[in-house]
mmCIF file of all heavy atoms, coordinates in Angstrom:
data_MODEL
# 
_entry.id   MODEL 
# 
loop_
_atom_site.group_PDB 
_atom_site.id 
_atom_site.type_symbol 
_atom_site.label_atom_id 
_atom_site.label_alt_id 
_atom_site.label_comp_id 
_atom_site.label_asym_id 
_atom_site.label_entity_id 
_atom_site.label_seq_id 
_atom_site.pdbx_PDB_ins_code 
_atom_site.Cartn_x 
_atom_site.Cartn_y 
_atom_site.Cartn_z 
_atom_site.occupancy 
_atom_site.B_iso_or_equiv 
_atom_site.pdbx_formal_charge 
_atom_site.auth_seq_id 
_atom_site.auth_comp_id 
_atom_site.auth_asym_id 
_atom_site.auth_atom_id 
_atom_site.pdbx_PDB_model_num 
ATOM 1   N N   . CYS A 1 1  ? 10.284 37.190 0.225   1.00 0.00 ? 1  CYS A N   1 
ATOM 2   C CA  . CYS A 1 1  ? 9.862  38.633 0.102   1.00 0.00 ? 1  CYS A CA  1 
ATOM 3   C C   . CYS A 1 1  ? 9.648  38.969 -1.415  1.00 0.00 ? 1  CYS A C   1 
ATOM 4   O O   . CYS A 1 1  ? 10.330 39.847 -1.970  1.00 0.00 ? 1  CYS A O   1 
ATOM 5   C CB  . CYS A 1 1  ? 10.964 39.543 0.630   1.00 0.00 ? 1  CYS A CB  1 
ATOM 6   S SG  . CYS A 1 1  ? 11.202 39.397 2.365   1.00 0.00 ? 1  CYS A SG  1 
ATOM 7   N N   . PRO A 1 2  ? 8.679  38.301 -1.973  1.00 0.00 ? 2  PRO A N   1 
ATOM 8   C CA  . PRO A 1 2  ? 8.507  38.470 -3.484  1.00 0.00 ? 2  PRO A CA  1 
ATOM 9   C C   . PRO A 1 2  ? 7.857  39.865 -3.830  1.00 0.00 ? 2  PRO A C   1 
ATOM 10  O O   . PRO A 1 2  ? 8.005  40.354 -4.999  1.00 0.00 ? 2  PRO A O   1 
ATOM 11  C CB  . PRO A 1 2  ? 7.506  37.324 -3.845  1.00 0.00 ? 2  PRO A CB  1 
ATOM 12  C CG  . PRO A 1 2  ? 6.857  37.050 -2.615  1.00 0.00 ? 2  PRO A CG  1 
ATOM 13  C CD  . PRO A 1 2  ? 7.799  37.281 -1.440  1.00 0.00 ? 2  PRO A CD  1 
ATOM 14  N N   . LYS A 1 3  ? 7.198  40.502 -2.892  1.00 0.00 ? 3  LYS A N   1 
ATOM 15  C CA  . LYS A 1 3  ? 6.473  41.798 -3.207  1.00 0.00 ? 3  LYS A CA  1 
ATOM 16  C C   . LYS A 1 3  ? 7.413  42.943 -3.051  1.00 0.00 ? 3  LYS A C   1 
ATOM 17  O O   . LYS A 1 3  ? 7.126  44.007 -3.618  1.00 0.00 ? 3  LYS A O   1 
ATOM 18  C CB  . LYS A 1 3  ? 5.278  41.971 -2.201  1.00 0.00 ? 3  LYS A CB  1 
ATOM 19  C CG  . LYS A 1 3  ? 4.283  40.769 -2.330  1.00 0.00 ? 3  LYS A CG  1 
ATOM 20  C CD  . LYS A 1 3  ? 3.151  41.098 -1.257  1.00 0.00 ? 3  LYS A CD  1 
ATOM 21  C CE  . LYS A 1 3  ? 2.215  39.874 -1.287  1.00 0.00 ? 3  LYS A CE  1 
ATOM 22  N NZ  . LYS A 1 3  ? 1.112  40.119 -0.211  1.00 0.00 ? 3  LYS A NZ  1 
ATOM 23  N N   . THR A 1 4  ? 8.394  42.858 -2.228  1.00 0.00 ? 4  THR A N   1 
ATOM 24  C CA  . THR A 1 4  ? 9.226  44.138 -1.875  1.00 0.00 ? 4  THR A CA  1 
ATOM 25  C C   . THR A 1 4  ? 10.481 44.042 -2.683  1.00 0.00 ? 4  THR A C   1 
ATOM 26  O O   . THR A 1 4  ? 11.173 43.083 -2.637  1.00 0.00 ? 4  THR A O   1 
ATOM 27  C CB  . THR A 1 4  ? 9.433  44.189 -0.347  1.00 0.00 ? 4  THR A CB  1 
ATOM 28  O OG1 . THR A 1 4  ? 8.200  43.935 0.332   1.00 0.00 ? 4  THR A OG1 1 
ATOM 29  C CG2 . THR A 1 4  ? 10.116 45.527 -0.006  1.00 0.00 ? 4  THR A CG2 1 
ATOM 30  N N   . LYS A 1 5  ? 10.917 45.279 -3.145  1.00 0.00 ? 5  LYS A N   1 
ATOM 31  C CA  . LYS A 1 5  ? 12.244 45.315 -3.827  1.00 0.00 ? 5  LYS A CA  1 
ATOM 32  C C   . LYS A 1 5  ? 13.334 45.182 -2.886  1.00 0.00 ? 5  LYS A C   1 
ATOM 33  O O   . LYS A 1 5  ? 13.298 45.727 -1.742  1.00 0.00 ? 5  LYS A O   1 
ATOM 34  C CB  . LYS A 1 5  ? 12.308 46.723 -4.474  1.00 0.00 ? 5  LYS A CB  1 
ATOM 35  C CG  . LYS A 1 5  ? 11.363 47.014 -5.658  1.00 0.00 ? 5  LYS A CG  1 
ATOM 36  C CD  . LYS A 1 5  ? 11.624 48.259 -6.377  1.00 0.00 ? 5  LYS A CD  1 
ATOM 37  C CE  . LYS A 1 5  ? 11.423 49.464 -5.527  1.00 0.00 ? 5  LYS A CE  1 
ATOM 38  N NZ  . LYS A 1 5  ? 9.965  49.737 -5.273  1.00 0.00 ? 5  LYS A NZ  1 
ATOM 39  N N   . LEU A 1 6  ? 14.376 44.352 -3.259  1.00 0.00 ? 6  LEU A N   1 
ATOM 40  C CA  . LEU A 1 6  ? 15.536 44.152 -2.420  1.00 0.00 ? 6  LEU A CA  1 
ATOM 41  C C   . LEU A 1 6  ? 16.633 45.044 -2.855  1.00 0.00 ? 6  LEU A C   1 
ATOM 42  O O   . LEU A 1 6  ? 16.905 45.163 -4.077  1.00 0.00 ? 6  LEU A O   1 
ATOM 43  C CB  . LEU A 1 6  ? 15.944 42.632 -2.440  1.00 0.00 ? 6  LEU A CB  1 
ATOM 44  C CG  . LEU A 1 6  ? 14.858 41.677 -2.001  1.00 0.00 ? 6  LEU A CG  1 
ATOM 45  C CD1 . LEU A 1 6  ? 15.495 40.185 -1.983  1.00 0.00 ? 6  LEU A CD1 1 
ATOM 46  C CD2 . LEU A 1 6  ? 14.366 41.964 -0.591  1.00 0.00 ? 6  LEU A CD2 1 
ATOM 47  N N   . GLN A 1 7  ? 17.314 45.562 -1.874  1.00 0.00 ? 7  GLN A N   1 
ATOM 48  C CA  . GLN A 1 7  ? 18.333 46.559 -2.128  1.00 0.00 ? 7  GLN A CA  1 
ATOM 49  C C   . GLN A 1 7  ? 19.734 46.130 -1.556  1.00 0.00 ? 7  GLN A C   1 
ATOM 50  O O   . GLN A 1 7  ? 19.721 45.503 -0.589  1.00 0.00 ? 7  GLN A O   1 
ATOM 51  C CB  . GLN A 1 7  ? 18.022 47.948 -1.560  1.00 0.00 ? 7  GLN A CB  1 
ATOM 52  C CG  . GLN A 1 7  ? 18.978 49.042 -1.789  1.00 0.00 ? 7  GLN A CG  1 
ATOM 53  C CD  . GLN A 1 7  ? 18.371 50.387 -1.275  1.00 0.00 ? 7  GLN A CD  1 
ATOM 54  O OE1 . GLN A 1 7  ? 17.207 50.626 -1.518  1.00 0.00 ? 7  GLN A OE1 1 
ATOM 55  N NE2 . GLN A 1 7  ? 19.151 51.142 -0.574  1.00 0.00 ? 7  GLN A NE2 1 
ATOM 56  N N   . MET A 1 8  ? 20.783 46.510 -2.195  1.00 0.00 ? 8  MET A N   1 
ATOM 57  C CA  . MET A 1 8  ? 22.179 46.255 -1.757  1.00 0.00 ? 8  MET A CA  1 
ATOM 58  C C   . MET A 1 8  ? 23.000 47.434 -1.836  1.00 0.00 ? 8  MET A C   1 
ATOM 59  O O   . MET A 1 8  ? 22.680 48.418 -2.570  1.00 0.00 ? 8  MET A O   1 
ATOM 60  C CB  . MET A 1 8  ? 22.895 45.095 -2.644  1.00 0.00 ? 8  MET A CB  1 
ATOM 61  C CG  . MET A 1 8  ? 23.277 45.508 -4.027  1.00 0.00 ? 8  MET A CG  1 
ATOM 62  S SD  . MET A 1 8  ? 24.374 44.276 -4.848  1.00 0.00 ? 8  MET A SD  1 
ATOM 63  C CE  . MET A 1 8  ? 25.757 44.255 -3.730  1.00 0.00 ? 8  MET A CE  1 
ATOM 64  N N   . LEU A 1 9  ? 24.249 47.393 -1.075  1.00 0.00 ? 9  LEU A N   1 
ATOM 65  C CA  . LEU A 1 9  ? 25.127 48.505 -1.173  1.00 0.00 ? 9  LEU A CA  1 
ATOM 66  C C   . LEU A 1 9  ? 26.403 47.962 -1.867  1.00 0.00 ? 9  LEU A C   1 
ATOM 67  O O   . LEU A 1 9  ? 26.898 46.795 -1.602  1.00 0.00 ? 9  LEU A O   1 
ATOM 68  C CB  . LEU A 1 9  ? 25.561 48.816 0.254   1.00 0.00 ? 9  LEU A CB  1 
ATOM 69  C CG  . LEU A 1 9  ? 26.568 49.960 0.449   1.00 0.00 ? 9  LEU A CG  1 
ATOM 70  C CD1 . LEU A 1 9  ? 25.968 51.305 -0.113  1.00 0.00 ? 9  LEU A CD1 1 
ATOM 71  C CD2 . LEU A 1 9  ? 27.033 50.168 1.824   1.00 0.00 ? 9  LEU A CD2 1 
ATOM 72  N N   . PHE A 1 10 ? 26.843 48.750 -2.864  1.00 0.00 ? 10 PHE A N   1 
ATOM 73  C CA  . PHE A 1 10 ? 27.887 48.276 -3.792  1.00 0.00 ? 10 PHE A CA  1 
ATOM 74  C C   . PHE A 1 10 ? 28.973 49.419 -3.793  1.00 0.00 ? 10 PHE A C   1 
ATOM 75  O O   . PHE A 1 10 ? 28.691 50.497 -4.040  1.00 0.00 ? 10 PHE A O   1 
ATOM 76  C CB  . PHE A 1 10 ? 27.173 48.206 -5.134  1.00 0.00 ? 10 PHE A CB  1 
ATOM 77  C CG  . PHE A 1 10 ? 27.973 47.435 -6.208  1.00 0.00 ? 10 PHE A CG  1 
ATOM 78  C CD1 . PHE A 1 10 ? 27.755 46.144 -6.451  1.00 0.00 ? 10 PHE A CD1 1 
ATOM 79  C CD2 . PHE A 1 10 ? 28.998 48.077 -6.919  1.00 0.00 ? 10 PHE A CD2 1 
ATOM 80  C CE1 . PHE A 1 10 ? 28.383 45.501 -7.521  1.00 0.00 ? 10 PHE A CE1 1 
ATOM 81  C CE2 . PHE A 1 10 ? 29.638 47.498 -7.932  1.00 0.00 ? 10 PHE A CE2 1 
ATOM 82  C CZ  . PHE A 1 10 ? 29.360 46.177 -8.271  1.00 0.00 ? 10 PHE A CZ  1 
ATOM 83  N N   . ARG A 1 11 ? 30.249 49.003 -3.619  1.00 0.00 ? 11 ARG A N   1 
ATOM 84  C CA  . ARG A 1 11 ? 31.378 49.986 -3.441  1.00 0.00 ? 11 ARG A CA  1 
ATOM 85  C C   . ARG A 1 11 ? 31.935 50.324 -4.782  1.00 0.00 ? 11 ARG A C   1 
ATOM 86  O O   . ARG A 1 11 ? 33.175 50.341 -4.966  1.00 0.00 ? 11 ARG A O   1 
ATOM 87  C CB  . ARG A 1 11 ? 32.418 49.478 -2.482  1.00 0.00 ? 11 ARG A CB  1 
ATOM 88  C CG  . ARG A 1 11 ? 31.998 49.289 -1.127  1.00 0.00 ? 11 ARG A CG  1 
ATOM 89  C CD  . ARG A 1 11 ? 33.028 48.726 -0.254  1.00 0.00 ? 11 ARG A CD  1 
ATOM 90  N NE  . ARG A 1 11 ? 32.512 48.335 1.136   1.00 0.00 ? 11 ARG A NE  1 
ATOM 91  C CZ  . ARG A 1 11 ? 33.054 47.369 1.934   1.00 0.00 ? 11 ARG A CZ  1 
ATOM 92  N NH1 . ARG A 1 11 ? 33.973 46.627 1.517   1.00 0.00 ? 11 ARG A NH1 1 
ATOM 93  N NH2 . ARG A 1 11 ? 32.521 47.069 3.070   1.00 0.00 ? 11 ARG A NH2 1 
ATOM 94  N N   . GLY A 1 12 ? 31.160 50.608 -5.881  1.00 0.00 ? 12 GLY A N   1 
ATOM 95  C CA  . GLY A 1 12 ? 31.727 51.059 -7.063  1.00 0.00 ? 12 GLY A CA  1 
ATOM 96  C C   . GLY A 1 12 ? 32.758 49.957 -7.646  1.00 0.00 ? 12 GLY A C   1 
ATOM 97  O O   . GLY A 1 12 ? 32.467 48.743 -7.711  1.00 0.00 ? 12 GLY A O   1 
ATOM 98  N N   . GLN A 1 13 ? 33.847 50.469 -8.091  1.00 0.00 ? 13 GLN A N   1 
ATOM 99  C CA  . GLN A 1 13 ? 34.820 49.543 -8.677  1.00 0.00 ? 13 GLN A CA  1 
ATOM 100 C C   . GLN A 1 13 ? 35.414 48.654 -7.734  1.00 0.00 ? 13 GLN A C   1 
ATOM 101 O O   . GLN A 1 13 ? 36.016 47.662 -7.921  1.00 0.00 ? 13 GLN A O   1 
ATOM 102 C CB  . GLN A 1 13 ? 35.923 50.414 -9.402  1.00 0.00 ? 13 GLN A CB  1 
ATOM 103 C CG  . GLN A 1 13 ? 36.614 49.719 -10.552 1.00 0.00 ? 13 GLN A CG  1 
ATOM 104 C CD  . GLN A 1 13 ? 35.780 49.519 -11.754 1.00 0.00 ? 13 GLN A CD  1 
ATOM 105 O OE1 . GLN A 1 13 ? 34.845 50.363 -11.999 1.00 0.00 ? 13 GLN A OE1 1 
ATOM 106 N NE2 . GLN A 1 13 ? 36.027 48.529 -12.562 1.00 0.00 ? 13 GLN A NE2 1 
ATOM 107 N N   . ASN A 1 14 ? 35.171 48.856 -6.368  1.00 0.00 ? 14 ASN A N   1 
ATOM 108 C CA  . ASN A 1 14 ? 35.680 47.992 -5.328  1.00 0.00 ? 14 ASN A CA  1 
ATOM 109 C C   . ASN A 1 14 ? 34.710 46.880 -5.101  1.00 0.00 ? 14 ASN A C   1 
ATOM 110 O O   . ASN A 1 14 ? 35.004 45.855 -4.380  1.00 0.00 ? 14 ASN A O   1 
ATOM 111 C CB  . ASN A 1 14 ? 35.866 48.725 -3.979  1.00 0.00 ? 14 ASN A CB  1 
ATOM 112 C CG  . ASN A 1 14 ? 37.083 49.560 -4.024  1.00 0.00 ? 14 ASN A CG  1 
ATOM 113 O OD1 . ASN A 1 14 ? 37.704 49.770 -5.018  1.00 0.00 ? 14 ASN A OD1 1 
ATOM 114 N ND2 . ASN A 1 14 ? 37.327 50.188 -2.866  1.00 0.00 ? 14 ASN A ND2 1 
ATOM 115 N N   . ILE A 1 15 ? 33.453 46.891 -5.606  1.00 0.00 ? 15 ILE A N   1 
ATOM 116 C CA  . ILE A 1 15 ? 32.436 45.968 -5.514  1.00 0.00 ? 15 ILE A CA  1 
ATOM 117 C C   . ILE A 1 15 ? 32.020 45.800 -4.013  1.00 0.00 ? 15 ILE A C   1 
ATOM 118 O O   . ILE A 1 15 ? 31.466 46.703 -3.423  1.00 0.00 ? 15 ILE A O   1 
ATOM 119 C CB  . ILE A 1 15 ? 32.677 44.565 -6.228  1.00 0.00 ? 15 ILE A CB  1 
ATOM 120 C CG1 . ILE A 1 15 ? 33.133 44.765 -7.614  1.00 0.00 ? 15 ILE A CG1 1 
ATOM 121 C CG2 . ILE A 1 15 ? 31.425 43.747 -6.090  1.00 0.00 ? 15 ILE A CG2 1 
ATOM 122 C CD1 . ILE A 1 15 ? 33.458 43.531 -8.301  1.00 0.00 ? 15 ILE A CD1 1 
ATOM 123 N N   . LEU A 1 16 ? 32.541 44.758 -3.278  1.00 0.00 ? 16 LEU A N   1 
ATOM 124 C CA  . LEU A 1 16 ? 32.257 44.614 -1.888  1.00 0.00 ? 16 LEU A CA  1 
ATOM 125 C C   . LEU A 1 16 ? 33.657 44.378 -1.172  1.00 0.00 ? 16 LEU A C   1 
ATOM 126 O O   . LEU A 1 16 ? 33.740 44.122 -0.030  1.00 0.00 ? 16 LEU A O   1 
ATOM 127 C CB  . LEU A 1 16 ? 31.417 43.327 -1.567  1.00 0.00 ? 16 LEU A CB  1 
ATOM 128 C CG  . LEU A 1 16 ? 30.015 43.442 -2.186  1.00 0.00 ? 16 LEU A CG  1 
ATOM 129 C CD1 . LEU A 1 16 ? 29.302 42.158 -1.751  1.00 0.00 ? 16 LEU A CD1 1 
ATOM 130 C CD2 . LEU A 1 16 ? 29.311 44.604 -1.806  1.00 0.00 ? 16 LEU A CD2 1 
ATOM 131 N N   . GLY A 1 17 ? 34.738 44.497 -1.964  1.00 0.00 ? 17 GLY A N   1 
ATOM 132 C CA  . GLY A 1 17 ? 36.069 44.335 -1.489  1.00 0.00 ? 17 GLY A CA  1 
ATOM 133 C C   . GLY A 1 17 ? 36.831 45.537 -1.145  1.00 0.00 ? 17 GLY A C   1 
ATOM 134 O O   . GLY A 1 17 ? 36.224 46.548 -0.807  1.00 0.00 ? 17 GLY A O   1 
ATOM 135 N N   . TYR A 1 18 ? 38.111 45.473 -1.202  1.00 0.00 ? 18 TYR A N   1 
ATOM 136 C CA  . TYR A 1 18 ? 39.006 46.601 -0.695  1.00 0.00 ? 18 TYR A CA  1 
ATOM 137 C C   . TYR A 1 18 ? 40.018 47.083 -1.733  1.00 0.00 ? 18 TYR A C   1 
ATOM 138 O O   . TYR A 1 18 ? 41.028 47.592 -1.324  1.00 0.00 ? 18 TYR A O   1 
ATOM 139 C CB  . TYR A 1 18 ? 39.718 46.130 0.611   1.00 0.00 ? 18 TYR A CB  1 
ATOM 140 C CG  . TYR A 1 18 ? 38.683 45.544 1.563   1.00 0.00 ? 18 TYR A CG  1 
ATOM 141 C CD1 . TYR A 1 18 ? 38.656 44.130 1.759   1.00 0.00 ? 18 TYR A CD1 1 
ATOM 142 C CD2 . TYR A 1 18 ? 37.776 46.295 2.285   1.00 0.00 ? 18 TYR A CD2 1 
ATOM 143 C CE1 . TYR A 1 18 ? 37.738 43.607 2.590   1.00 0.00 ? 18 TYR A CE1 1 
ATOM 144 C CE2 . TYR A 1 18 ? 36.764 45.747 3.065   1.00 0.00 ? 18 TYR A CE2 1 
ATOM 145 C CZ  . TYR A 1 18 ? 36.725 44.337 3.257   1.00 0.00 ? 18 TYR A CZ  1 
ATOM 146 O OH  . TYR A 1 18 ? 35.781 43.786 4.023   1.00 0.00 ? 18 TYR A OH  1 
ATOM 147 N N   . LYS A 1 19 ? 39.743 46.689 -2.944  1.00 0.00 ? 19 LYS A N   1 
ATOM 148 C CA  . LYS A 1 19 ? 40.603 47.167 -4.054  1.00 0.00 ? 19 LYS A CA  1 
ATOM 149 C C   . LYS A 1 19 ? 39.795 47.209 -5.290  1.00 0.00 ? 19 LYS A C   1 
ATOM 150 O O   . LYS A 1 19 ? 38.594 46.830 -5.355  1.00 0.00 ? 19 LYS A O   1 
ATOM 151 C CB  . LYS A 1 19 ? 41.811 46.089 -4.315  1.00 0.00 ? 19 LYS A CB  1 
ATOM 152 C CG  . LYS A 1 19 ? 41.253 44.816 -4.849  1.00 0.00 ? 19 LYS A CG  1 
ATOM 153 C CD  . LYS A 1 19 ? 42.451 43.927 -5.331  1.00 0.00 ? 19 LYS A CD  1 
ATOM 154 C CE  . LYS A 1 19 ? 41.891 42.617 -6.003  1.00 0.00 ? 19 LYS A CE  1 
ATOM 155 N NZ  . LYS A 1 19 ? 43.027 41.869 -6.615  1.00 0.00 ? 19 LYS A NZ  1 
ATOM 156 N N   . HIS A 1 20 ? 40.295 47.891 -6.317  1.00 0.00 ? 20 HIS A N   1 
ATOM 157 C CA  . HIS A 1 20 ? 39.574 47.990 -7.593  1.00 0.00 ? 20 HIS A CA  1 
ATOM 158 C C   . HIS A 1 20 ? 39.586 46.664 -8.373  1.00 0.00 ? 20 HIS A C   1 
ATOM 159 O O   . HIS A 1 20 ? 40.667 45.964 -8.406  1.00 0.00 ? 20 HIS A O   1 
ATOM 160 C CB  . HIS A 1 20 ? 40.221 49.065 -8.445  1.00 0.00 ? 20 HIS A CB  1 
ATOM 161 C CG  . HIS A 1 20 ? 39.800 50.437 -8.093  1.00 0.00 ? 20 HIS A CG  1 
ATOM 162 N ND1 . HIS A 1 20 ? 40.105 51.551 -8.723  1.00 0.00 ? 20 HIS A ND1 1 
ATOM 163 C CD2 . HIS A 1 20 ? 39.030 50.875 -7.052  1.00 0.00 ? 20 HIS A CD2 1 
ATOM 164 C CE1 . HIS A 1 20 ? 39.592 52.601 -8.175  1.00 0.00 ? 20 HIS A CE1 1 
ATOM 165 N NE2 . HIS A 1 20 ? 38.820 52.184 -7.139  1.00 0.00 ? 20 HIS A NE2 1 
ATOM 166 N N   . TYR A 1 21 ? 38.538 46.268 -8.939  1.00 0.00 ? 21 TYR A N   1 
ATOM 167 C CA  . TYR A 1 21 ? 38.418 45.046 -9.728  1.00 0.00 ? 21 TYR A CA  1 
ATOM 168 C C   . TYR A 1 21 ? 38.161 45.422 -11.227 1.00 0.00 ? 21 TYR A C   1 
ATOM 169 O O   . TYR A 1 21 ? 37.772 46.566 -11.454 1.00 0.00 ? 21 TYR A O   1 
ATOM 170 C CB  . TYR A 1 21 ? 37.216 44.215 -9.206  1.00 0.00 ? 21 TYR A CB  1 
ATOM 171 C CG  . TYR A 1 21 ? 37.584 43.615 -7.915  1.00 0.00 ? 21 TYR A CG  1 
ATOM 172 C CD1 . TYR A 1 21 ? 37.096 44.193 -6.753  1.00 0.00 ? 21 TYR A CD1 1 
ATOM 173 C CD2 . TYR A 1 21 ? 38.138 42.356 -7.801  1.00 0.00 ? 21 TYR A CD2 1 
ATOM 174 C CE1 . TYR A 1 21 ? 37.493 43.714 -5.527  1.00 0.00 ? 21 TYR A CE1 1 
ATOM 175 C CE2 . TYR A 1 21 ? 38.404 41.772 -6.487  1.00 0.00 ? 21 TYR A CE2 1 
ATOM 176 C CZ  . TYR A 1 21 ? 38.151 42.512 -5.318  1.00 0.00 ? 21 TYR A CZ  1 
ATOM 177 O OH  . TYR A 1 21 ? 38.402 41.981 -4.146  1.00 0.00 ? 21 TYR A OH  1 
ATOM 178 N N   . SER A 1 22 ? 38.564 44.525 -12.092 1.00 0.00 ? 22 SER A N   1 
ATOM 179 C CA  . SER A 1 22 ? 38.446 44.829 -13.498 1.00 0.00 ? 22 SER A CA  1 
ATOM 180 C C   . SER A 1 22 ? 36.986 44.979 -13.864 1.00 0.00 ? 22 SER A C   1 
ATOM 181 O O   . SER A 1 22 ? 36.042 44.469 -13.201 1.00 0.00 ? 22 SER A O   1 
ATOM 182 C CB  . SER A 1 22 ? 39.098 43.764 -14.359 1.00 0.00 ? 22 SER A CB  1 
ATOM 183 O OG  . SER A 1 22 ? 38.480 42.449 -14.015 1.00 0.00 ? 22 SER A OG  1 
ATOM 184 N N   . ASP A 1 23 ? 36.778 45.611 -15.027 1.00 0.00 ? 23 ASP A N   1 
ATOM 185 C CA  . ASP A 1 23 ? 35.421 45.860 -15.562 1.00 0.00 ? 23 ASP A CA  1 
ATOM 186 C C   . ASP A 1 23 ? 34.529 44.654 -15.723 1.00 0.00 ? 23 ASP A C   1 
ATOM 187 O O   . ASP A 1 23 ? 33.339 44.605 -15.361 1.00 0.00 ? 23 ASP A O   1 
ATOM 188 C CB  . ASP A 1 23 ? 35.407 46.697 -16.816 1.00 0.00 ? 23 ASP A CB  1 
ATOM 189 C CG  . ASP A 1 23 ? 35.772 48.134 -16.584 1.00 0.00 ? 23 ASP A CG  1 
ATOM 190 O OD1 . ASP A 1 23 ? 35.669 48.605 -15.408 1.00 0.00 ? 23 ASP A OD1 1 
ATOM 191 O OD2 . ASP A 1 23 ? 36.099 48.837 -17.503 1.00 0.00 ? 23 ASP A OD2 1 
ATOM 192 N N   . ASP A 1 24 ? 35.162 43.571 -16.159 1.00 0.00 ? 24 ASP A N   1 
ATOM 193 C CA  . ASP A 1 24 ? 34.439 42.312 -16.364 1.00 0.00 ? 24 ASP A CA  1 
ATOM 194 C C   . ASP A 1 24 ? 34.008 41.648 -15.074 1.00 0.00 ? 24 ASP A C   1 
ATOM 195 O O   . ASP A 1 24 ? 32.838 41.099 -15.079 1.00 0.00 ? 24 ASP A O   1 
ATOM 196 C CB  . ASP A 1 24 ? 35.295 41.358 -17.247 1.00 0.00 ? 24 ASP A CB  1 
ATOM 197 C CG  . ASP A 1 24 ? 36.436 40.809 -16.546 1.00 0.00 ? 24 ASP A CG  1 
ATOM 198 O OD1 . ASP A 1 24 ? 37.157 41.641 -15.833 1.00 0.00 ? 24 ASP A OD1 1 
ATOM 199 O OD2 . ASP A 1 24 ? 36.789 39.626 -16.685 1.00 0.00 ? 24 ASP A OD2 1 
ATOM 200 N N   . VAL A 1 25 ? 34.807 41.799 -14.067 1.00 0.00 ? 25 VAL A N   1 
ATOM 201 C CA  . VAL A 1 25 ? 34.305 41.360 -12.736 1.00 0.00 ? 25 VAL A CA  1 
ATOM 202 C C   . VAL A 1 25 ? 33.246 42.132 -12.213 1.00 0.00 ? 25 VAL A C   1 
ATOM 203 O O   . VAL A 1 25 ? 32.175 41.638 -11.639 1.00 0.00 ? 25 VAL A O   1 
ATOM 204 C CB  . VAL A 1 25 ? 35.521 41.322 -11.781 1.00 0.00 ? 25 VAL A CB  1 
ATOM 205 C CG1 . VAL A 1 25 ? 35.014 40.924 -10.320 1.00 0.00 ? 25 VAL A CG1 1 
ATOM 206 C CG2 . VAL A 1 25 ? 36.588 40.376 -12.268 1.00 0.00 ? 25 VAL A CG2 1 
# 
């Protein structure tokens, strides 16, 4: 899919997990 922008969902400081991660992660 080189022509179409790909989008993701990101849980802020949780990223994709269930707790807060450090800023460098």
